[in-house]
């Protein structure tokens, strides 16, 4: 999925304007409640790119993800 994204870079946000995504395991960070979901999560930082471009990018990424999980 992440390799299919064109407008999202990989990495944490340092206050920049670009859209980023990073996989992480919330179970290591949760303190108030337990993370019960299976597998990692994705953290998205939405930048200043065109909203329609970002939506199209996410749709493409999720299509690749869904195709690979079958």
PDB file of N, CA and C in Angstrom:
ATOM      1  N   UNK A   1       0.823  -1.196   0.000  1.00  0.00           N
ATOM      2  CA  UNK A   1       0.000   0.000   0.000  1.00  0.00           C
ATOM      3  C   UNK A   1       0.863   1.255   0.000  1.00  0.00           C
ATOM      4  N   UNK A   2       1.840   1.292   0.899  1.00  0.00           N
ATOM      5  CA  UNK A   2       2.638   2.508   1.039  1.00  0.00           C
ATOM      6  C   UNK A   2       3.456   2.808  -0.210  1.00  0.00           C
ATOM      7  N   UNK A   3       3.921   1.783  -0.887  1.00  0.00           N
ATOM      8  CA  UNK A   3       4.687   1.997  -2.113  1.00  0.00           C
ATOM      9  C   UNK A   3       3.829   2.541  -3.250  1.00  0.00           C
ATOM     10  N   UNK A   4       2.510   2.376  -3.164  1.00  0.00           N
ATOM     11  CA  UNK A   4       1.609   2.868  -4.206  1.00  0.00           C
ATOM     12  C   UNK A   4       1.277   4.349  -4.038  1.00  0.00           C
ATOM     13  N   UNK A   5       1.558   4.920  -2.878  1.00  0.00           N
ATOM     14  CA  UNK A   5       1.243   6.327  -2.630  1.00  0.00           C
ATOM     15  C   UNK A   5       2.232   7.238  -3.349  1.00  0.00           C
ATOM     16  N   UNK A   6       1.712   8.248  -4.020  1.00  0.00           N
ATOM     17  CA  UNK A   6       2.542   9.192  -4.777  1.00  0.00           C
ATOM     18  C   UNK A   6       2.711  10.533  -4.065  1.00  0.00           C
ATOM     19  N   UNK A   7       1.705  10.939  -3.287  1.00  0.00           N
ATOM     20  CA  UNK A   7       1.725  12.253  -2.640  1.00  0.00           C
ATOM     21  C   UNK A   7       2.124  12.189  -1.171  1.00  0.00           C
ATOM     22  N   UNK A   8       2.235  10.995  -0.625  1.00  0.00           N
ATOM     23  CA  UNK A   8       2.618  10.835   0.771  1.00  0.00           C
ATOM     24  C   UNK A   8       4.044  10.311   0.844  1.00  0.00           C
ATOM     25  N   UNK A   9       4.904  11.045   1.532  1.00  0.00           N
ATOM     26  CA  UNK A   9       6.245  10.554   1.786  1.00  0.00           C
ATOM     27  C   UNK A   9       6.227   9.674   3.023  1.00  0.00           C
ATOM     28  N   UNK A  10       7.272   8.911   3.212  1.00  0.00           N
ATOM     29  CA  UNK A  10       7.384   8.067   4.397  1.00  0.00           C
ATOM     30  C   UNK A  10       8.154   8.831   5.469  1.00  0.00           C
ATOM     31  N   UNK A  11       7.613   8.883   6.675  1.00  0.00           N
ATOM     32  CA  UNK A  11       8.351   9.503   7.771  1.00  0.00           C
ATOM     33  C   UNK A  11       7.451  10.239   8.728  1.00  0.00           C
ATOM     34  N   UNK A  12       8.057  10.665   9.819  1.00  0.00           N
ATOM     35  CA  UNK A  12       7.361  11.444  10.841  1.00  0.00           C
ATOM     36  C   UNK A  12       7.332  12.916  10.441  1.00  0.00           C
ATOM     37  N   UNK A  13       6.363  13.630  10.961  1.00  0.00           N
ATOM     38  CA  UNK A  13       6.253  15.053  10.673  1.00  0.00           C
ATOM     39  C   UNK A  13       7.151  15.852  11.609  1.00  0.00           C
ATOM     40  N   UNK A  14       7.900  16.755  11.033  1.00  0.00           N
ATOM     41  CA  UNK A  14       8.716  17.685  11.815  1.00  0.00           C
ATOM     42  C   UNK A  14       8.202  19.104  11.616  1.00  0.00           C
ATOM     43  N   UNK A  15       6.897  19.225  11.362  1.00  0.00           N
ATOM     44  CA  UNK A  15       6.298  20.543  11.204  1.00  0.00           C
ATOM     45  C   UNK A  15       6.322  21.063   9.782  1.00  0.00           C
ATOM     46  N   UNK A  16       6.631  20.199   8.827  1.00  0.00           N
ATOM     47  CA  UNK A  16       6.671  20.610   7.436  1.00  0.00           C
ATOM     48  C   UNK A  16       5.284  20.705   6.829  1.00  0.00           C
ATOM     49  N   UNK A  17       5.232  21.020   5.560  1.00  0.00           N
ATOM     50  CA  UNK A  17       3.961  21.228   4.855  1.00  0.00           C
ATOM     51  C   UNK A  17       3.570  20.035   3.989  1.00  0.00           C
ATOM     52  N   UNK A  18       4.432  19.018   3.882  1.00  0.00           N
ATOM     53  CA  UNK A  18       4.153  17.894   3.003  1.00  0.00           C
ATOM     54  C   UNK A  18       3.369  16.804   3.727  1.00  0.00           C
ATOM     55  N   UNK A  19       2.638  16.002   2.961  1.00  0.00           N
ATOM     56  CA  UNK A  19       1.877  14.891   3.521  1.00  0.00           C
ATOM     57  C   UNK A  19       2.809  13.706   3.733  1.00  0.00           C
ATOM     58  N   UNK A  20       2.657  13.073   4.899  1.00  0.00           N
ATOM     59  CA  UNK A  20       3.524  11.964   5.277  1.00  0.00           C
ATOM     60  C   UNK A  20       2.700  10.830   5.867  1.00  0.00           C
ATOM     61  N   UNK A  21       3.266   9.627   5.819  1.00  0.00           N
ATOM     62  CA  UNK A  21       2.648   8.464   6.450  1.00  0.00           C
ATOM     63  C   UNK A  21       3.769   7.632   7.080  1.00  0.00           C
ATOM     64  N   UNK A  22       3.468   7.046   8.224  1.00  0.00           N
ATOM     65  CA  UNK A  22       4.449   6.180   8.879  1.00  0.00           C
ATOM     66  C   UNK A  22       3.693   5.044   9.575  1.00  0.00           C
ATOM     67  N   UNK A  23       4.111   3.792   9.359  1.00  0.00           N
ATOM     68  CA  UNK A  23       3.516   2.686  10.104  1.00  0.00           C
ATOM     69  C   UNK A  23       4.081   2.666  11.528  1.00  0.00           C
ATOM     70  N   UNK A  24       3.246   2.292  12.488  1.00  0.00           N
ATOM     71  CA  UNK A  24       3.720   2.194  13.868  1.00  0.00           C
ATOM     72  C   UNK A  24       2.870   1.192  14.625  1.00  0.00           C
ATOM     73  N   UNK A  25       3.383   0.735  15.738  1.00  0.00           N
ATOM     74  CA  UNK A  25       2.687  -0.227  16.586  1.00  0.00           C
ATOM     75  C   UNK A  25       2.168   0.505  17.820  1.00  0.00           C
ATOM     76  N   UNK A  26       0.869   0.828  17.867  1.00  0.00           N
ATOM     77  CA  UNK A  26       0.311   1.592  18.979  1.00  0.00           C
ATOM     78  C   UNK A  26       0.402   0.872  20.327  1.00  0.00           C
ATOM     79  N   UNK A  27       0.530  -0.443  20.306  1.00  0.00           N
ATOM     80  CA  UNK A  27       0.563  -1.169  21.573  1.00  0.00           C
ATOM     81  C   UNK A  27       1.751  -0.757  22.430  1.00  0.00           C
ATOM     82  N   UNK A  28       2.797  -0.255  21.826  1.00  0.00           N
ATOM     83  CA  UNK A  28       3.978   0.174  22.566  1.00  0.00           C
ATOM     84  C   UNK A  28       3.831   1.575  23.146  1.00  0.00           C
ATOM     85  N   UNK A  29       2.841   2.336  22.671  1.00  0.00           N
ATOM     86  CA  UNK A  29       2.671   3.717  23.105  1.00  0.00           C
ATOM     87  C   UNK A  29       1.448   3.931  23.979  1.00  0.00           C
ATOM     88  N   UNK A  30       0.507   2.990  23.940  1.00  0.00           N
ATOM     89  CA  UNK A  30      -0.738   3.159  24.684  1.00  0.00           C
ATOM     90  C   UNK A  30      -0.480   3.004  26.172  1.00  0.00           C
ATOM     91  N   UNK A  31      -0.997   3.914  26.971  1.00  0.00           N
ATOM     92  CA  UNK A  31      -0.860   3.802  28.420  1.00  0.00           C
ATOM     93  C   UNK A  31      -2.226   3.795  29.116  1.00  0.00           C
ATOM     94  N   UNK A  32      -3.193   4.526  28.583  1.00  0.00           N
ATOM     95  CA  UNK A  32      -4.500   4.617  29.230  1.00  0.00           C
ATOM     96  C   UNK A  32      -5.377   3.412  28.905  1.00  0.00           C
ATOM     97  N   UNK A  33      -5.260   2.902  27.697  1.00  0.00           N
ATOM     98  CA  UNK A  33      -6.041   1.741  27.280  1.00  0.00           C
ATOM     99  C   UNK A  33      -5.147   0.796  26.499  1.00  0.00           C
ATOM    100  N   UNK A  34      -5.600  -0.439  26.337  1.00  0.00           N
ATOM    101  CA  UNK A  34      -4.836  -1.439  25.600  1.00  0.00           C
ATOM    102  C   UNK A  34      -5.215  -1.394  24.123  1.00  0.00           C
ATOM    103  N   UNK A  35      -4.222  -1.584  23.244  1.00  0.00           N
ATOM    104  CA  UNK A  35      -4.455  -1.657  21.802  1.00  0.00           C
ATOM    105  C   UNK A  35      -4.809  -3.097  21.474  1.00  0.00           C
ATOM    106  N   UNK A  36      -6.064  -3.360  21.084  1.00  0.00           N
ATOM    107  CA  UNK A  36      -6.528  -4.721  20.824  1.00  0.00           C
ATOM    108  C   UNK A  36      -6.549  -5.091  19.345  1.00  0.00           C
ATOM    109  N   UNK A  37      -6.317  -4.146  18.480  1.00  0.00           N
ATOM    110  CA  UNK A  37      -6.362  -4.429  17.038  1.00  0.00           C
ATOM    111  C   UNK A  37      -5.157  -5.278  16.637  1.00  0.00           C
ATOM    112  N   UNK A  38      -5.379  -6.143  15.653  1.00  0.00           N
ATOM    113  CA  UNK A  38      -4.289  -6.974  15.152  1.00  0.00           C
ATOM    114  C   UNK A  38      -3.430  -6.173  14.182  1.00  0.00           C
ATOM    115  N   UNK A  39      -2.142  -6.244  14.346  1.00  0.00           N
ATOM    116  CA  UNK A  39      -1.228  -5.600  13.404  1.00  0.00           C
ATOM    117  C   UNK A  39      -0.967  -4.147  13.715  1.00  0.00           C
ATOM    118  N   UNK A  40      -0.134  -3.532  12.883  1.00  0.00           N
ATOM    119  CA  UNK A  40       0.242  -2.138  13.094  1.00  0.00           C
ATOM    120  C   UNK A  40      -0.844  -1.171  12.606  1.00  0.00           C
ATOM    121  N   UNK A  41      -0.590   0.087  12.824  1.00  0.00           N
ATOM    122  CA  UNK A  41      -1.476   1.156  12.360  1.00  0.00           C
ATOM    123  C   UNK A  41      -0.662   2.091  11.459  1.00  0.00           C
ATOM    124  N   UNK A  42      -1.347   2.986  10.783  1.00  0.00           N
ATOM    125  CA  UNK A  42      -0.689   4.002   9.966  1.00  0.00           C
ATOM    126  C   UNK A  42      -1.012   5.370  10.540  1.00  0.00           C
ATOM    127  N   UNK A  43       0.001   6.187  10.677  1.00  0.00           N
ATOM    128  CA  UNK A  43      -0.201   7.565  11.119  1.00  0.00           C
ATOM    129  C   UNK A  43      -0.009   8.469   9.909  1.00  0.00           C
ATOM    130  N   UNK A  44      -1.028   9.279   9.621  1.00  0.00           N
ATOM    131  CA  UNK A  44      -0.989  10.188   8.485  1.00  0.00           C
ATOM    132  C   UNK A  44      -0.848  11.627   8.958  1.00  0.00           C
ATOM    133  N   UNK A  45       0.028  12.367   8.306  1.00  0.00           N
ATOM    134  CA  UNK A  45       0.141  13.808   8.483  1.00  0.00           C
ATOM    135  C   UNK A  45      -0.290  14.410   7.152  1.00  0.00           C
ATOM    136  N   UNK A  46      -1.348  15.199   7.174  1.00  0.00           N
ATOM    137  CA  UNK A  46      -1.890  15.779   5.941  1.00  0.00           C
ATOM    138  C   UNK A  46      -1.268  17.156   5.727  1.00  0.00           C
ATOM    139  N   UNK A  47      -0.659  17.338   4.579  1.00  0.00           N
ATOM    140  CA  UNK A  47       0.016  18.582   4.257  1.00  0.00           C
ATOM    141  C   UNK A  47      -0.848  19.515   3.427  1.00  0.00           C
ATOM    142  N   UNK A  48      -0.209  20.289   2.599  1.00  0.00           N
ATOM    143  CA  UNK A  48      -0.895  21.328   1.827  1.00  0.00           C
ATOM    144  C   UNK A  48      -1.208  20.934   0.395  1.00  0.00           C
ATOM    145  N   UNK A  49      -1.029  19.667   0.047  1.00  0.00           N
ATOM    146  CA  UNK A  49      -1.353  19.234  -1.309  1.00  0.00           C
ATOM    147  C   UNK A  49      -2.862  19.333  -1.549  1.00  0.00           C
ATOM    148  N   UNK A  50      -3.245  19.310  -2.809  1.00  0.00           N
ATOM    149  CA  UNK A  50      -4.653  19.370  -3.185  1.00  0.00           C
ATOM    150  C   UNK A  50      -5.415  18.194  -2.574  1.00  0.00           C
ATOM    151  N   UNK A  51      -6.550  18.481  -1.967  1.00  0.00           N
ATOM    152  CA  UNK A  51      -7.343  17.454  -1.282  1.00  0.00           C
ATOM    153  C   UNK A  51      -7.746  16.330  -2.230  1.00  0.00           C
ATOM    154  N   UNK A  52      -8.144  16.669  -3.448  1.00  0.00           N
ATOM    155  CA  UNK A  52      -8.546  15.642  -4.403  1.00  0.00           C
ATOM    156  C   UNK A  52      -7.369  14.738  -4.780  1.00  0.00           C
ATOM    157  N   UNK A  53      -6.176  15.301  -4.879  1.00  0.00           N
ATOM    158  CA  UNK A  53      -4.992  14.485  -5.152  1.00  0.00           C
ATOM    159  C   UNK A  53      -4.723  13.516  -4.010  1.00  0.00           C
ATOM    160  N   UNK A  54      -4.867  13.994  -2.780  1.00  0.00           N
ATOM    161  CA  UNK A  54      -4.635  13.129  -1.615  1.00  0.00           C
ATOM    162  C   UNK A  54      -5.683  12.018  -1.526  1.00  0.00           C
ATOM    163  N   UNK A  55      -6.938  12.358  -1.802  1.00  0.00           N
ATOM    164  CA  UNK A  55      -7.997  11.344  -1.798  1.00  0.00           C
ATOM    165  C   UNK A  55      -7.734  10.274  -2.853  1.00  0.00           C
ATOM    166  N   UNK A  56      -7.351  10.711  -4.049  1.00  0.00           N
ATOM    167  CA  UNK A  56      -7.046   9.773  -5.128  1.00  0.00           C
ATOM    168  C   UNK A  56      -5.862   8.877  -4.743  1.00  0.00           C
ATOM    169  N   UNK A  57      -4.870   9.470  -4.124  1.00  0.00           N
ATOM    170  CA  UNK A  57      -3.697   8.725  -3.684  1.00  0.00           C
ATOM    171  C   UNK A  57      -4.082   7.660  -2.651  1.00  0.00           C
ATOM    172  N   UNK A  58      -4.891   8.039  -1.672  1.00  0.00           N
ATOM    173  CA  UNK A  58      -5.330   7.086  -0.647  1.00  0.00           C
ATOM    174  C   UNK A  58      -6.191   5.983  -1.255  1.00  0.00           C
ATOM    175  N   UNK A  59      -7.075   6.344  -2.171  1.00  0.00           N
ATOM    176  CA  UNK A  59      -7.898   5.321  -2.836  1.00  0.00           C
ATOM    177  C   UNK A  59      -7.027   4.314  -3.581  1.00  0.00           C
ATOM    178  N   UNK A  60      -5.996   4.801  -4.256  1.00  0.00           N
ATOM    179  CA  UNK A  60      -5.070   3.913  -4.969  1.00  0.00           C
ATOM    180  C   UNK A  60      -4.339   3.008  -3.980  1.00  0.00           C
ATOM    181  N   UNK A  61      -3.862   3.581  -2.889  1.00  0.00           N
ATOM    182  CA  UNK A  61      -3.157   2.795  -1.878  1.00  0.00           C
ATOM    183  C   UNK A  61      -4.036   1.723  -1.259  1.00  0.00           C
ATOM    184  N   UNK A  62      -5.274   2.070  -0.918  1.00  0.00           N
ATOM    185  CA  UNK A  62      -6.190   1.087  -0.330  1.00  0.00           C
ATOM    186  C   UNK A  62      -6.572   0.023  -1.342  1.00  0.00           C
ATOM    187  N   UNK A  63      -6.676   0.367  -2.621  1.00  0.00           N
ATOM    188  CA  UNK A  63      -6.963  -0.631  -3.658  1.00  0.00           C
ATOM    189  C   UNK A  63      -5.832  -1.646  -3.745  1.00  0.00           C
ATOM    190  N   UNK A  64      -4.587  -1.175  -3.688  1.00  0.00           N
ATOM    191  CA  UNK A  64      -3.433  -2.088  -3.692  1.00  0.00           C
ATOM    192  C   UNK A  64      -3.451  -2.963  -2.443  1.00  0.00           C
ATOM    193  N   UNK A  65      -3.739  -2.362  -1.300  1.00  0.00           N
ATOM    194  CA  UNK A  65      -3.802  -3.113  -0.033  1.00  0.00           C
ATOM    195  C   UNK A  65      -4.874  -4.194  -0.116  1.00  0.00           C
ATOM    196  N   UNK A  66      -6.066  -3.843  -0.578  1.00  0.00           N
ATOM    197  CA  UNK A  66      -7.160  -4.813  -0.652  1.00  0.00           C
ATOM    198  C   UNK A  66      -6.857  -5.938  -1.637  1.00  0.00           C
ATOM    199  N   UNK A  67      -6.214  -5.610  -2.743  1.00  0.00           N
ATOM    200  CA  UNK A  67      -5.859  -6.629  -3.735  1.00  0.00           C
ATOM    201  C   UNK A  67      -4.817  -7.591  -3.180  1.00  0.00           C
ATOM    202  N   UNK A  68      -3.898  -7.096  -2.370  1.00  0.00           N
ATOM    203  CA  UNK A  68      -2.840  -7.950  -1.836  1.00  0.00           C
ATOM    204  C   UNK A  68      -3.304  -8.791  -0.657  1.00  0.00           C
ATOM    205  N   UNK A  69      -4.392  -8.407  -0.016  1.00  0.00           N
ATOM    206  CA  UNK A  69      -4.863  -9.163   1.151  1.00  0.00           C
ATOM    207  C   UNK A  69      -5.859 -10.254   0.778  1.00  0.00           C
ATOM    208  N   UNK A  70      -6.100 -10.446  -0.505  1.00  0.00           N
ATOM    209  CA  UNK A  70      -7.051 -11.487  -0.943  1.00  0.00           C
ATOM    210  C   UNK A  70      -6.358 -12.798  -1.134  1.00  0.00           C
TER     211      UNK A  70
END
